[in-house]
Full PDB file with SEQRES, HELIX, SHEET, SSBOND, CRYST1, ORIGX, SCALE, CONECT and MASTER records, all heavy atoms in Angstrom:
SEQRES   1 A   43  VAL LEU GLY SER ASP ALA ARG PHE PRO VAL ARG ARG VAL          
SEQRES   2 A   43  TYR CYS VAL GLY ARG ASN TYR ALA GLU HIS ALA ALA GLU          
SEQRES   3 A   43  MET GLY ALA ASP LEU ARG ASP PRO PRO PHE PHE PHE ALA          
SEQRES   4 A   43  LYS PRO ALA ASP                                              
HELIX    1 AA1 ALA A   21  GLU A   26  1                                   6    
SHEET    1 AA1 2 VAL A  13  GLY A  17  0                                        
SHEET    2 AA1 2 PHE A  36  LYS A  40 -1                                        
CRYST1    1.000    1.000    1.000  90.00  90.00  90.00 P 1           1          
ORIGX1      1.000000  0.000000  0.000000        0.00000                         
ORIGX2      0.000000  1.000000  0.000000        0.00000                         
ORIGX3      0.000000  0.000000  1.000000        0.00000                         
SCALE1      1.000000  0.000000  0.000000        0.00000                         
SCALE2      0.000000  1.000000  0.000000        0.00000                         
SCALE3      0.000000  0.000000  1.000000        0.00000                         
ATOM      1  N   VAL A   1     -24.952 -23.111  12.756  1.00  0.00           N  
ATOM      2  CA  VAL A   1     -25.315 -23.221  11.343  1.00  0.00           C  
ATOM      3  C   VAL A   1     -26.533 -22.339  11.105  1.00  0.00           C  
ATOM      4  O   VAL A   1     -27.539 -22.454  11.818  1.00  0.00           O  
ATOM      5  CB  VAL A   1     -25.630 -24.683  10.967  1.00  0.00           C  
ATOM      6  CG1 VAL A   1     -26.032 -24.781   9.494  1.00  0.00           C  
ATOM      7  CG2 VAL A   1     -24.434 -25.585  11.266  1.00  0.00           C  
ATOM      8  N   LEU A   2     -26.458 -21.475  10.110  1.00  0.00           N  
ATOM      9  CA  LEU A   2     -27.578 -20.593   9.806  1.00  0.00           C  
ATOM     10  C   LEU A   2     -28.804 -21.398   9.405  1.00  0.00           C  
ATOM     11  O   LEU A   2     -28.714 -22.349   8.624  1.00  0.00           O  
ATOM     12  CB  LEU A   2     -27.193 -19.632   8.682  1.00  0.00           C  
ATOM     13  CG  LEU A   2     -26.162 -18.558   9.052  1.00  0.00           C  
ATOM     14  CD1 LEU A   2     -25.664 -17.846   7.799  1.00  0.00           C  
ATOM     15  CD2 LEU A   2     -26.737 -17.554  10.036  1.00  0.00           C  
ATOM     16  N   GLY A   3     -29.962 -21.033   9.971  1.00  0.00           N  
ATOM     17  CA  GLY A   3     -31.205 -21.693   9.635  1.00  0.00           C  
ATOM     18  C   GLY A   3     -31.410 -23.030  10.302  1.00  0.00           C  
ATOM     19  O   GLY A   3     -32.300 -23.785   9.917  1.00  0.00           O  
ATOM     20  N   SER A   4     -30.597 -23.348  11.318  1.00  0.00           N  
ATOM     21  CA  SER A   4     -30.691 -24.651  11.977  1.00  0.00           C  
ATOM     22  C   SER A   4     -30.367 -24.514  13.451  1.00  0.00           C  
ATOM     23  O   SER A   4     -29.571 -23.659  13.852  1.00  0.00           O  
ATOM     24  CB  SER A   4     -29.724 -25.642  11.313  1.00  0.00           C  
ATOM     25  OG  SER A   4     -29.692 -26.865  12.024  1.00  0.00           O  
ATOM     26  N   ASP A   5     -30.976 -25.379  14.268  1.00  0.00           N  
ATOM     27  CA  ASP A   5     -30.617 -25.456  15.681  1.00  0.00           C  
ATOM     28  C   ASP A   5     -29.407 -26.351  15.899  1.00  0.00           C  
ATOM     29  O   ASP A   5     -28.822 -26.360  16.988  1.00  0.00           O  
ATOM     30  CB  ASP A   5     -31.800 -26.005  16.495  1.00  0.00           C  
ATOM     31  CG  ASP A   5     -32.971 -25.036  16.534  1.00  0.00           C  
ATOM     32  OD1 ASP A   5     -32.723 -23.811  16.426  1.00  0.00           O  
ATOM     33  OD2 ASP A   5     -34.115 -25.496  16.659  1.00  0.00           O  
ATOM     34  N   ALA A   6     -29.061 -27.151  14.884  1.00  0.00           N  
ATOM     35  CA  ALA A   6     -27.913 -28.048  14.991  1.00  0.00           C  
ATOM     36  C   ALA A   6     -26.619 -27.256  14.852  1.00  0.00           C  
ATOM     37  O   ALA A   6     -26.566 -26.223  14.173  1.00  0.00           O  
ATOM     38  CB  ALA A   6     -27.985 -29.127  13.915  1.00  0.00           C  
ATOM     39  N   ARG A   7     -25.580 -27.733  15.486  1.00  0.00           N  
ATOM     40  CA  ARG A   7     -24.275 -27.099  15.408  1.00  0.00           C  
ATOM     41  C   ARG A   7     -23.291 -28.039  14.708  1.00  0.00           C  
ATOM     42  O   ARG A   7     -23.468 -29.251  14.709  1.00  0.00           O  
ATOM     43  CB  ARG A   7     -23.764 -26.724  16.802  1.00  0.00           C  
ATOM     44  CG  ARG A   7     -24.628 -25.659  17.487  1.00  0.00           C  
ATOM     45  CD  ARG A   7     -24.087 -25.323  18.866  1.00  0.00           C  
ATOM     46  NE  ARG A   7     -22.817 -24.625  18.822  1.00  0.00           N  
ATOM     47  CZ  ARG A   7     -22.681 -23.300  18.859  1.00  0.00           C  
ATOM     48  NH1 ARG A   7     -23.749 -22.519  18.905  1.00  0.00           N  
ATOM     49  NH2 ARG A   7     -21.475 -22.741  18.841  1.00  0.00           N  
ATOM     50  N   PHE A   8     -22.260 -27.458  14.133  1.00  0.00           N  
ATOM     51  CA  PHE A   8     -21.242 -28.190  13.394  1.00  0.00           C  
ATOM     52  C   PHE A   8     -20.090 -28.506  14.336  1.00  0.00           C  
ATOM     53  O   PHE A   8     -19.395 -27.597  14.793  1.00  0.00           O  
ATOM     54  CB  PHE A   8     -20.752 -27.342  12.221  1.00  0.00           C  
ATOM     55  CG  PHE A   8     -19.699 -27.975  11.351  1.00  0.00           C  
ATOM     56  CD1 PHE A   8     -20.058 -28.757  10.263  1.00  0.00           C  
ATOM     57  CD2 PHE A   8     -18.358 -27.772  11.610  1.00  0.00           C  
ATOM     58  CE1 PHE A   8     -19.089 -29.324   9.439  1.00  0.00           C  
ATOM     59  CE2 PHE A   8     -17.378 -28.329  10.801  1.00  0.00           C  
ATOM     60  CZ  PHE A   8     -17.741 -29.114   9.713  1.00  0.00           C  
ATOM     61  N   PRO A   9     -19.861 -29.802  14.679  1.00  0.00           N  
ATOM     62  CA  PRO A   9     -18.757 -30.143  15.580  1.00  0.00           C  
ATOM     63  C   PRO A   9     -17.430 -30.104  14.826  1.00  0.00           C  
ATOM     64  O   PRO A   9     -17.295 -30.670  13.737  1.00  0.00           O  
ATOM     65  CB  PRO A   9     -19.098 -31.562  16.028  1.00  0.00           C  
ATOM     66  CG  PRO A   9     -19.879 -32.131  14.880  1.00  0.00           C  
ATOM     67  CD  PRO A   9     -20.630 -30.984  14.262  1.00  0.00           C  
ATOM     68  N   VAL A  10     -16.457 -29.435  15.394  1.00  0.00           N  
ATOM     69  CA  VAL A  10     -15.177 -29.220  14.703  1.00  0.00           C  
ATOM     70  C   VAL A  10     -14.165 -30.278  15.125  1.00  0.00           C  
ATOM     71  O   VAL A  10     -13.967 -30.532  16.316  1.00  0.00           O  
ATOM     72  CB  VAL A  10     -14.622 -27.818  15.004  1.00  0.00           C  
ATOM     73  CG1 VAL A  10     -13.270 -27.619  14.325  1.00  0.00           C  
ATOM     74  CG2 VAL A  10     -15.616 -26.752  14.543  1.00  0.00           C  
ATOM     75  N   ARG A  11     -13.535 -30.891  14.119  1.00  0.00           N  
ATOM     76  CA  ARG A  11     -12.468 -31.861  14.362  1.00  0.00           C  
ATOM     77  C   ARG A  11     -11.093 -31.192  14.260  1.00  0.00           C  
ATOM     78  O   ARG A  11     -10.347 -31.117  15.223  1.00  0.00           O  
ATOM     79  CB  ARG A  11     -12.569 -33.025  13.373  1.00  0.00           C  
ATOM     80  CG  ARG A  11     -11.622 -34.185  13.688  1.00  0.00           C  
ATOM     81  CD  ARG A  11     -11.686 -35.272  12.630  1.00  0.00           C  
ATOM     82  NE  ARG A  11     -10.892 -34.944  11.468  1.00  0.00           N  
ATOM     83  CZ  ARG A  11      -9.805 -35.624  11.073  1.00  0.00           C  
ATOM     84  NH1 ARG A  11      -9.390 -36.675  11.766  1.00  0.00           N  
ATOM     85  NH2 ARG A  11      -9.145 -35.271   9.991  1.00  0.00           N  
ATOM     86  N   ARG A  12     -10.764 -30.700  13.088  1.00  0.00           N  
ATOM     87  CA  ARG A  12      -9.471 -30.057  12.865  1.00  0.00           C  
ATOM     88  C   ARG A  12      -9.677 -28.749  12.104  1.00  0.00           C  
ATOM     89  O   ARG A  12     -10.658 -28.582  11.394  1.00  0.00           O  
ATOM     90  CB  ARG A  12      -8.527 -30.958  12.059  1.00  0.00           C  
ATOM     91  CG  ARG A  12      -8.117 -32.223  12.784  1.00  0.00           C  
ATOM     92  CD  ARG A  12      -7.216 -33.076  11.901  1.00  0.00           C  
ATOM     93  NE  ARG A  12      -6.807 -34.311  12.573  1.00  0.00           N  
ATOM     94  CZ  ARG A  12      -6.121 -35.283  11.984  1.00  0.00           C  
ATOM     95  NH1 ARG A  12      -5.768 -35.180  10.706  1.00  0.00           N  
ATOM     96  NH2 ARG A  12      -5.789 -36.369  12.667  1.00  0.00           N  
ATOM     97  N   VAL A  13      -8.701 -27.844  12.247  1.00  0.00           N  
ATOM     98  CA  VAL A  13      -8.719 -26.571  11.531  1.00  0.00           C  
ATOM     99  C   VAL A  13      -7.425 -26.464  10.726  1.00  0.00           C  
ATOM    100  O   VAL A  13      -6.331 -26.371  11.295  1.00  0.00           O  
ATOM    101  CB  VAL A  13      -8.828 -25.377  12.494  1.00  0.00           C  
ATOM    102  CG1 VAL A  13      -8.833 -24.064  11.712  1.00  0.00           C  
ATOM    103  CG2 VAL A  13     -10.078 -25.498  13.364  1.00  0.00           C  
ATOM    104  N   TYR A  14      -7.568 -26.512   9.405  1.00  0.00           N  
ATOM    105  CA  TYR A  14      -6.436 -26.359   8.497  1.00  0.00           C  
ATOM    106  C   TYR A  14      -6.468 -24.963   7.887  1.00  0.00           C  
ATOM    107  O   TYR A  14      -7.534 -24.367   7.710  1.00  0.00           O  
ATOM    108  CB  TYR A  14      -6.499 -27.387   7.369  1.00  0.00           C  
ATOM    109  CG  TYR A  14      -6.424 -28.820   7.821  1.00  0.00           C  
ATOM    110  CD1 TYR A  14      -7.567 -29.604   7.901  1.00  0.00           C  
ATOM    111  CD2 TYR A  14      -5.200 -29.397   8.154  1.00  0.00           C  
ATOM    112  CE1 TYR A  14      -7.495 -30.938   8.301  1.00  0.00           C  
ATOM    113  CE2 TYR A  14      -5.123 -30.728   8.563  1.00  0.00           C  
ATOM    114  CZ  TYR A  14      -6.275 -31.488   8.632  1.00  0.00           C  
ATOM    115  OH  TYR A  14      -6.200 -32.807   9.037  1.00  0.00           O  
ATOM    116  N   CYS A  15      -5.296 -24.447   7.536  1.00  0.00           N  
ATOM    117  CA  CYS A  15      -5.186 -23.133   6.909  1.00  0.00           C  
ATOM    118  C   CYS A  15      -4.246 -23.225   5.718  1.00  0.00           C  
ATOM    119  O   CYS A  15      -3.247 -23.945   5.756  1.00  0.00           O  
ATOM    120  CB  CYS A  15      -4.638 -22.096   7.896  1.00  0.00           C  
ATOM    121  SG  CYS A  15      -5.572 -21.935   9.436  1.00  0.00           S  
ATOM    122  N   VAL A  16      -4.578 -22.484   4.667  1.00  0.00           N  
ATOM    123  CA  VAL A  16      -3.756 -22.433   3.459  1.00  0.00           C  
ATOM    124  C   VAL A  16      -2.949 -21.144   3.471  1.00  0.00           C  
ATOM    125  O   VAL A  16      -3.504 -20.065   3.703  1.00  0.00           O  
ATOM    126  CB  VAL A  16      -4.625 -22.474   2.190  1.00  0.00           C  
ATOM    127  CG1 VAL A  16      -3.750 -22.552   0.941  1.00  0.00           C  
ATOM    128  CG2 VAL A  16      -5.589 -23.637   2.233  1.00  0.00           C  
ATOM    129  N   GLY A  17      -1.671 -21.247   3.203  1.00  0.00           N  
ATOM    130  CA  GLY A  17      -0.819 -20.065   3.165  1.00  0.00           C  
ATOM    131  C   GLY A  17      -0.731 -19.461   1.774  1.00  0.00           C  
ATOM    132  O   GLY A  17      -0.645 -20.183   0.779  1.00  0.00           O  
ATOM    133  N   ARG A  18      -0.788 -18.135   1.682  1.00  0.00           N  
ATOM    134  CA  ARG A  18      -0.498 -17.378   0.460  1.00  0.00           C  
ATOM    135  C   ARG A  18      -1.268 -17.880  -0.750  1.00  0.00           C  
ATOM    136  O   ARG A  18      -0.686 -18.267  -1.767  1.00  0.00           O  
ATOM    137  CB  ARG A  18       1.005 -17.415   0.172  1.00  0.00           C  
ATOM    138  CG  ARG A  18       1.852 -16.818   1.286  1.00  0.00           C  
ATOM    139  CD  ARG A  18       3.324 -17.010   1.034  1.00  0.00           C  
ATOM    140  NE  ARG A  18       4.116 -16.619   2.199  1.00  0.00           N  
ATOM    141  CZ  ARG A  18       5.378 -16.970   2.391  1.00  0.00           C  
ATOM    142  NH1 ARG A  18       5.997 -17.729   1.510  1.00  0.00           N  
ATOM    143  NH2 ARG A  18       6.020 -16.575   3.471  1.00  0.00           N  
ATOM    144  N   ASN A  19      -2.587 -17.839  -0.657  1.00  0.00           N  
ATOM    145  CA  ASN A  19      -3.420 -18.379  -1.733  1.00  0.00           C  
ATOM    146  C   ASN A  19      -4.046 -17.294  -2.601  1.00  0.00           C  
ATOM    147  O   ASN A  19      -4.968 -17.568  -3.366  1.00  0.00           O  
ATOM    148  CB  ASN A  19      -4.516 -19.285  -1.154  1.00  0.00           C  
ATOM    149  CG  ASN A  19      -5.147 -20.161  -2.216  1.00  0.00           C  
ATOM    150  OD1 ASN A  19      -4.520 -20.517  -3.205  1.00  0.00           O  
ATOM    151  ND2 ASN A  19      -6.415 -20.496  -2.028  1.00  0.00           N  
ATOM    152  N   TYR A  20      -3.577 -16.057  -2.468  1.00  0.00           N  
ATOM    153  CA  TYR A  20      -3.971 -14.972  -3.362  1.00  0.00           C  
ATOM    154  C   TYR A  20      -2.681 -14.352  -3.896  1.00  0.00           C  
ATOM    155  O   TYR A  20      -1.749 -14.084  -3.131  1.00  0.00           O  
ATOM    156  CB  TYR A  20      -4.783 -13.907  -2.636  1.00  0.00           C  
ATOM    157  CG  TYR A  20      -6.194 -14.320  -2.277  1.00  0.00           C  
ATOM    158  CD1 TYR A  20      -6.439 -15.232  -1.251  1.00  0.00           C  
ATOM    159  CD2 TYR A  20      -7.290 -13.781  -2.946  1.00  0.00           C  
ATOM    160  CE1 TYR A  20      -7.728 -15.608  -0.917  1.00  0.00           C  
ATOM    161  CE2 TYR A  20      -8.595 -14.136  -2.604  1.00  0.00           C  
ATOM    162  CZ  TYR A  20      -8.798 -15.051  -1.596  1.00  0.00           C  
ATOM    163  OH  TYR A  20     -10.078 -15.410  -1.251  1.00  0.00           O  
ATOM    164  N   ALA A  21      -2.630 -14.107  -5.206  1.00  0.00           N  
ATOM    165  CA  ALA A  21      -1.382 -13.677  -5.836  1.00  0.00           C  
ATOM    166  C   ALA A  21      -0.835 -12.397  -5.226  1.00  0.00           C  
ATOM    167  O   ALA A  21       0.363 -12.301  -4.929  1.00  0.00           O  
ATOM    168  CB  ALA A  21      -1.602 -13.491  -7.337  1.00  0.00           C  
ATOM    169  N   GLU A  22      -1.703 -11.386  -5.001  1.00  0.00           N  
ATOM    170  CA  GLU A  22      -1.201 -10.116  -4.477  1.00  0.00           C  
ATOM    171  C   GLU A  22      -0.699 -10.258  -3.050  1.00  0.00           C  
ATOM    172  O   GLU A  22       0.276  -9.614  -2.655  1.00  0.00           O  
ATOM    173  CB  GLU A  22      -2.295  -9.042  -4.564  1.00  0.00           C  
ATOM    174  CG  GLU A  22      -2.602  -8.605  -5.989  1.00  0.00           C  
ATOM    175  CD  GLU A  22      -3.602  -7.470  -6.031  1.00  0.00           C  
ATOM    176  OE1 GLU A  22      -3.994  -6.971  -4.957  1.00  0.00           O  
ATOM    177  OE2 GLU A  22      -4.000  -7.080  -7.145  1.00  0.00           O  
ATOM    178  N   HIS A  23      -1.365 -11.107  -2.254  1.00  0.00           N  
ATOM    179  CA  HIS A  23      -0.874 -11.331  -0.896  1.00  0.00           C  
ATOM    180  C   HIS A  23       0.441 -12.091  -0.932  1.00  0.00           C  
ATOM    181  O   HIS A  23       1.366 -11.787  -0.161  1.00  0.00           O  
ATOM    182  CB  HIS A  23      -1.902 -12.107  -0.076  1.00  0.00           C  
ATOM    183  CG  HIS A  23      -1.423 -12.468   1.301  1.00  0.00           C  
ATOM    184  ND1 HIS A  23      -1.007 -11.531   2.217  1.00  0.00           N  
ATOM    185  CD2 HIS A  23      -1.268 -13.680   1.912  1.00  0.00           C  
ATOM    186  CE1 HIS A  23      -0.631 -12.127   3.336  1.00  0.00           C  
ATOM    187  NE2 HIS A  23      -0.769 -13.436   3.167  1.00  0.00           N  
ATOM    188  N   ALA A  24       0.554 -13.075  -1.823  1.00  0.00           N  
ATOM    189  CA  ALA A  24       1.824 -13.795  -1.952  1.00  0.00           C  
ATOM    190  C   ALA A  24       2.937 -12.819  -2.311  1.00  0.00           C  
ATOM    191  O   ALA A  24       4.047 -12.894  -1.764  1.00  0.00           O  
ATOM    192  CB  ALA A  24       1.703 -14.887  -3.010  1.00  0.00           C  
ATOM    193  N   ALA A  25       2.648 -11.889  -3.217  1.00  0.00           N  
ATOM    194  CA  ALA A  25       3.658 -10.911  -3.623  1.00  0.00           C  
ATOM    195  C   ALA A  25       4.055 -10.015  -2.459  1.00  0.00           C  
ATOM    196  O   ALA A  25       5.244  -9.720  -2.259  1.00  0.00           O  
ATOM    197  CB  ALA A  25       3.138 -10.078  -4.791  1.00  0.00           C  
ATOM    198  N   GLU A  26       3.071  -9.557  -1.665  1.00  0.00           N  
ATOM    199  CA  GLU A  26       3.399  -8.659  -0.556  1.00  0.00           C  
ATOM    200  C   GLU A  26       4.173  -9.385   0.539  1.00  0.00           C  
ATOM    201  O   GLU A  26       4.866  -8.765   1.332  1.00  0.00           O  
ATOM    202  CB  GLU A  26       2.140  -7.986   0.003  1.00  0.00           C  
ATOM    203  CG  GLU A  26       1.235  -8.863   0.825  1.00  0.00           C  
ATOM    204  CD  GLU A  26      -0.005  -8.117   1.336  1.00  0.00           C  
ATOM    205  OE1 GLU A  26      -0.086  -6.880   1.156  1.00  0.00           O  
ATOM    206  OE2 GLU A  26      -0.880  -8.775   1.910  1.00  0.00           O  
ATOM    207  N   MET A  27       4.074 -10.735   0.555  1.00  0.00           N  
ATOM    208  CA  MET A  27       4.838 -11.529   1.518  1.00  0.00           C  
ATOM    209  C   MET A  27       6.136 -12.065   0.903  1.00  0.00           C  
ATOM    210  O   MET A  27       6.864 -12.822   1.534  1.00  0.00           O  
ATOM    211  CB  MET A  27       3.988 -12.697   2.029  1.00  0.00           C  
ATOM    212  CG  MET A  27       2.703 -12.272   2.729  1.00  0.00           C  
ATOM    213  SD  MET A  27       2.978 -11.185   4.145  1.00  0.00           S  
ATOM    214  CE  MET A  27       3.694 -12.353   5.299  1.00  0.00           C  
ATOM    215  N   GLY A  28       6.420 -11.690  -0.368  1.00  0.00           N  
ATOM    216  CA  GLY A  28       7.676 -12.052  -0.994  1.00  0.00           C  
ATOM    217  C   GLY A  28       7.745 -13.459  -1.527  1.00  0.00           C  
ATOM    218  O   GLY A  28       8.838 -14.044  -1.632  1.00  0.00           O  
ATOM    219  N   ALA A  29       6.595 -14.044  -1.903  1.00  0.00           N  
ATOM    220  CA  ALA A  29       6.566 -15.431  -2.368  1.00  0.00           C  
ATOM    221  C   ALA A  29       6.286 -15.479  -3.867  1.00  0.00           C  
ATOM    222  O   ALA A  29       5.782 -14.523  -4.457  1.00  0.00           O  
ATOM    223  CB  ALA A  29       5.498 -16.211  -1.623  1.00  0.00           C  
ATOM    224  N   ASP A  30       6.623 -16.619  -4.483  1.00  0.00           N  
ATOM    225  CA  ASP A  30       6.262 -16.854  -5.877  1.00  0.00           C  
ATOM    226  C   ASP A  30       4.748 -16.965  -5.990  1.00  0.00           C  
ATOM    227  O   ASP A  30       4.066 -17.421  -5.073  1.00  0.00           O  
ATOM    228  CB  ASP A  30       6.914 -18.140  -6.401  1.00  0.00           C  
ATOM    229  CG  ASP A  30       8.425 -18.002  -6.526  1.00  0.00           C  
ATOM    230  OD1 ASP A  30       8.890 -16.861  -6.660  1.00  0.00           O  
ATOM    231  OD2 ASP A  30       9.116 -19.030  -6.473  1.00  0.00           O  
ATOM    232  N   LEU A  31       4.193 -16.588  -7.144  1.00  0.00           N  
ATOM    233  CA  LEU A  31       2.752 -16.470  -7.276  1.00  0.00           C  
ATOM    234  C   LEU A  31       2.036 -17.800  -7.462  1.00  0.00           C  
ATOM    235  O   LEU A  31       0.860 -17.917  -7.163  1.00  0.00           O  
ATOM    236  CB  LEU A  31       2.419 -15.537  -8.447  1.00  0.00           C  
ATOM    237  CG  LEU A  31       2.999 -14.122  -8.331  1.00  0.00           C  
ATOM    238  CD1 LEU A  31       2.468 -13.250  -9.444  1.00  0.00           C  
ATOM    239  CD2 LEU A  31       2.704 -13.501  -6.970  1.00  0.00           C  
ATOM    240  N   ARG A  32       2.705 -18.817  -8.003  1.00  0.00           N  
ATOM    241  CA  ARG A  32       2.027 -20.079  -8.260  1.00  0.00           C  
ATOM    242  C   ARG A  32       2.745 -21.227  -7.557  1.00  0.00           C  
ATOM    243  O   ARG A  32       2.827 -22.334  -8.052  1.00  0.00           O  
ATOM    244  CB  ARG A  32       1.947 -20.318  -9.767  1.00  0.00           C  
ATOM    245  CG  ARG A  32       1.101 -21.514 -10.213  1.00  0.00           C  
ATOM    246  CD  ARG A  32      -0.378 -21.380  -9.893  1.00  0.00           C  
ATOM    247  NE  ARG A  32      -1.120 -22.536 -10.397  1.00  0.00           N  
ATOM    248  CZ  ARG A  32      -2.413 -22.770 -10.197  1.00  0.00           C  
ATOM    249  NH1 ARG A  32      -3.118 -21.898  -9.508  1.00  0.00           N  
ATOM    250  NH2 ARG A  32      -2.999 -23.836 -10.679  1.00  0.00           N  
ATOM    251  N   ASP A  33       3.267 -20.960  -6.381  1.00  0.00           N  
ATOM    252  CA  ASP A  33       3.796 -22.046  -5.564  1.00  0.00           C  
ATOM    253  C   ASP A  33       2.684 -23.031  -5.251  1.00  0.00           C  
ATOM    254  O   ASP A  33       1.521 -22.634  -5.100  1.00  0.00           O  
ATOM    255  CB  ASP A  33       4.360 -21.511  -4.239  1.00  0.00           C  
ATOM    256  CG  ASP A  33       5.767 -20.960  -4.390  1.00  0.00           C  
ATOM    257  OD1 ASP A  33       6.388 -21.215  -5.435  1.00  0.00           O  
ATOM    258  OD2 ASP A  33       6.224 -20.265  -3.471  1.00  0.00           O  
ATOM    259  N   PRO A  34       2.993 -24.324  -5.123  1.00  0.00           N  
ATOM    260  CA  PRO A  34       1.965 -25.263  -4.662  1.00  0.00           C  
ATOM    261  C   PRO A  34       1.429 -24.818  -3.307  1.00  0.00           C  
ATOM    262  O   PRO A  34       2.161 -24.205  -2.511  1.00  0.00           O  
ATOM    263  CB  PRO A  34       2.733 -26.587  -4.552  1.00  0.00           C  
ATOM    264  CG  PRO A  34       3.893 -26.426  -5.464  1.00  0.00           C  
ATOM    265  CD  PRO A  34       4.283 -24.975  -5.404  1.00  0.00           C  
ATOM    266  N   PRO A  35       0.154 -25.079  -3.034  1.00  0.00           N  
ATOM    267  CA  PRO A  35      -0.395 -24.658  -1.731  1.00  0.00           C  
ATOM    268  C   PRO A  35       0.329 -25.356  -0.588  1.00  0.00           C  
ATOM    269  O   PRO A  35       0.743 -26.503  -0.699  1.00  0.00           O  
ATOM    270  CB  PRO A  35      -1.858 -25.096  -1.809  1.00  0.00           C  
ATOM    271  CG  PRO A  35      -1.897 -26.148  -2.861  1.00  0.00           C  
ATOM    272  CD  PRO A  35      -0.825 -25.814  -3.841  1.00  0.00           C  
ATOM    273  N   PHE A  36       0.508 -24.632   0.505  1.00  0.00           N  
ATOM    274  CA  PHE A  36       1.064 -25.245   1.711  1.00  0.00           C  
ATOM    275  C   PHE A  36       0.113 -24.983   2.858  1.00  0.00           C  
ATOM    276  O   PHE A  36      -0.728 -24.084   2.803  1.00  0.00           O  
ATOM    277  CB  PHE A  36       2.479 -24.740   2.025  1.00  0.00           C  
ATOM    278  CG  PHE A  36       2.548 -23.303   2.467  1.00  0.00           C  
ATOM    279  CD1 PHE A  36       2.521 -22.974   3.816  1.00  0.00           C  
ATOM    280  CD2 PHE A  36       2.661 -22.276   1.545  1.00  0.00           C  
ATOM    281  CE1 PHE A  36       2.589 -21.658   4.237  1.00  0.00           C  
ATOM    282  CE2 PHE A  36       2.737 -20.949   1.951  1.00  0.00           C  
ATOM    283  CZ  PHE A  36       2.697 -20.645   3.299  1.00  0.00           C  
ATOM    284  N   PHE A  37       0.240 -25.780   3.902  1.00  0.00           N  
ATOM    285  CA  PHE A  37      -0.778 -25.810   4.948  1.00  0.00           C  
ATOM    286  C   PHE A  37      -0.147 -25.720   6.330  1.00  0.00           C  
ATOM    287  O   PHE A  37       0.978 -26.157   6.558  1.00  0.00           O  
ATOM    288  CB  PHE A  37      -1.604 -27.100   4.852  1.00  0.00           C  
ATOM    289  CG  PHE A  37      -2.259 -27.297   3.516  1.00  0.00           C  
ATOM    290  CD1 PHE A  37      -1.630 -28.026   2.513  1.00  0.00           C  
ATOM    291  CD2 PHE A  37      -3.494 -26.723   3.238  1.00  0.00           C  
ATOM    292  CE1 PHE A  37      -2.226 -28.188   1.270  1.00  0.00           C  
ATOM    293  CE2 PHE A  37      -4.096 -26.881   1.999  1.00  0.00           C  
ATOM    294  CZ  PHE A  37      -3.454 -27.615   1.014  1.00  0.00           C  
ATOM    295  N   PHE A  38      -0.900 -25.137   7.245  1.00  0.00           N  
ATOM    296  CA  PHE A  38      -0.580 -25.184   8.666  1.00  0.00           C  
ATOM    297  C   PHE A  38      -1.897 -25.390   9.399  1.00  0.00           C  
ATOM    298  O   PHE A  38      -2.957 -25.454   8.776  1.00  0.00           O  
ATOM    299  CB  PHE A  38       0.155 -23.918   9.123  1.00  0.00           C  
ATOM    300  CG  PHE A  38      -0.584 -22.635   8.873  1.00  0.00           C  
ATOM    301  CD1 PHE A  38      -1.385 -22.067   9.853  1.00  0.00           C  
ATOM    302  CD2 PHE A  38      -0.481 -21.979   7.653  1.00  0.00           C  
ATOM    303  CE1 PHE A  38      -2.071 -20.882   9.633  1.00  0.00           C  
ATOM    304  CE2 PHE A  38      -1.160 -20.775   7.414  1.00  0.00           C  
ATOM    305  CZ  PHE A  38      -1.951 -20.237   8.406  1.00  0.00           C  
ATOM    306  N   ALA A  39      -1.847 -25.501  10.703  1.00  0.00           N  
ATOM    307  CA  ALA A  39      -3.061 -25.827  11.459  1.00  0.00           C  
ATOM    308  C   ALA A  39      -3.196 -24.930  12.676  1.00  0.00           C  
ATOM    309  O   ALA A  39      -2.216 -24.365  13.186  1.00  0.00           O  
ATOM    310  CB  ALA A  39      -3.041 -27.292  11.895  1.00  0.00           C  
ATOM    311  N   LYS A  40      -4.427 -24.784  13.116  1.00  0.00           N  
ATOM    312  CA  LYS A  40      -4.748 -24.147  14.381  1.00  0.00           C  
ATOM    313  C   LYS A  40      -5.541 -25.150  15.212  1.00  0.00           C  
ATOM    314  O   LYS A  40      -6.253 -26.000  14.650  1.00  0.00           O  
ATOM    315  CB  LYS A  40      -5.592 -22.887  14.172  1.00  0.00           C  
ATOM    316  CG  LYS A  40      -4.873 -21.723  13.493  1.00  0.00           C  
ATOM    317  CD  LYS A  40      -5.837 -20.562  13.247  1.00  0.00           C  
ATOM    318  CE  LYS A  40      -5.197 -19.394  12.534  1.00  0.00           C  
ATOM    319  NZ  LYS A  40      -4.539 -18.443  13.453  1.00  0.00           N  
ATOM    320  N   PRO A  41      -5.443 -25.097  16.540  1.00  0.00           N  
ATOM    321  CA  PRO A  41      -6.283 -25.981  17.343  1.00  0.00           C  
ATOM    322  C   PRO A  41      -7.746 -25.578  17.247  1.00  0.00           C  
ATOM    323  O   PRO A  41      -8.070 -24.404  17.035  1.00  0.00           O  
ATOM    324  CB  PRO A  41      -5.748 -25.782  18.771  1.00  0.00           C  
ATOM    325  CG  PRO A  41      -5.126 -24.428  18.755  1.00  0.00           C  
ATOM    326  CD  PRO A  41      -4.576 -24.232  17.367  1.00  0.00           C  
ATOM    327  N   ALA A  42      -8.632 -26.543  17.384  1.00  0.00           N  
ATOM    328  CA  ALA A  42     -10.060 -26.247  17.284  1.00  0.00           C  
ATOM    329  C   ALA A  42     -10.491 -25.202  18.305  1.00  0.00           C  
ATOM    330  O   ALA A  42     -11.358 -24.363  18.023  1.00  0.00           O  
ATOM    331  CB  ALA A  42     -10.874 -27.533  17.454  1.00  0.00           C  
ATOM    332  N   ASP A  43      -9.887 -25.217  19.485  1.00  0.00           N  
ATOM    333  CA  ASP A  43     -10.331 -24.267  20.504  1.00  0.00           C  
ATOM    334  C   ASP A  43      -9.738 -22.869  20.303  1.00  0.00           C  
ATOM    335  O   ASP A  43      -9.963 -21.975  21.117  1.00  0.00           O  
ATOM    336  CB  ASP A  43     -10.066 -24.791  21.913  1.00  0.00           C  
ATOM    337  CG  ASP A  43      -8.600 -25.008  22.235  1.00  0.00           C  
ATOM    338  OD1 ASP A  43      -7.735 -24.696  21.388  1.00  0.00           O  
ATOM    339  OD2 ASP A  43      -8.307 -25.505  23.336  1.00  0.00           O  
TER     340      ASP A  43                                                      
MASTER        0    0    0    1    2    0    0    6  339    1    0    4          
END                                                                             
């Protein structure tokens, strides 16, 4: 953490797919689809 000696312990890592209109378009998706999620392991 900037400005601190303490660190942020990570539990889970979530990711949002296609949350920018131009990126959604380049990936062939509708522009205002509801957000969808996937995950990565903390490590």
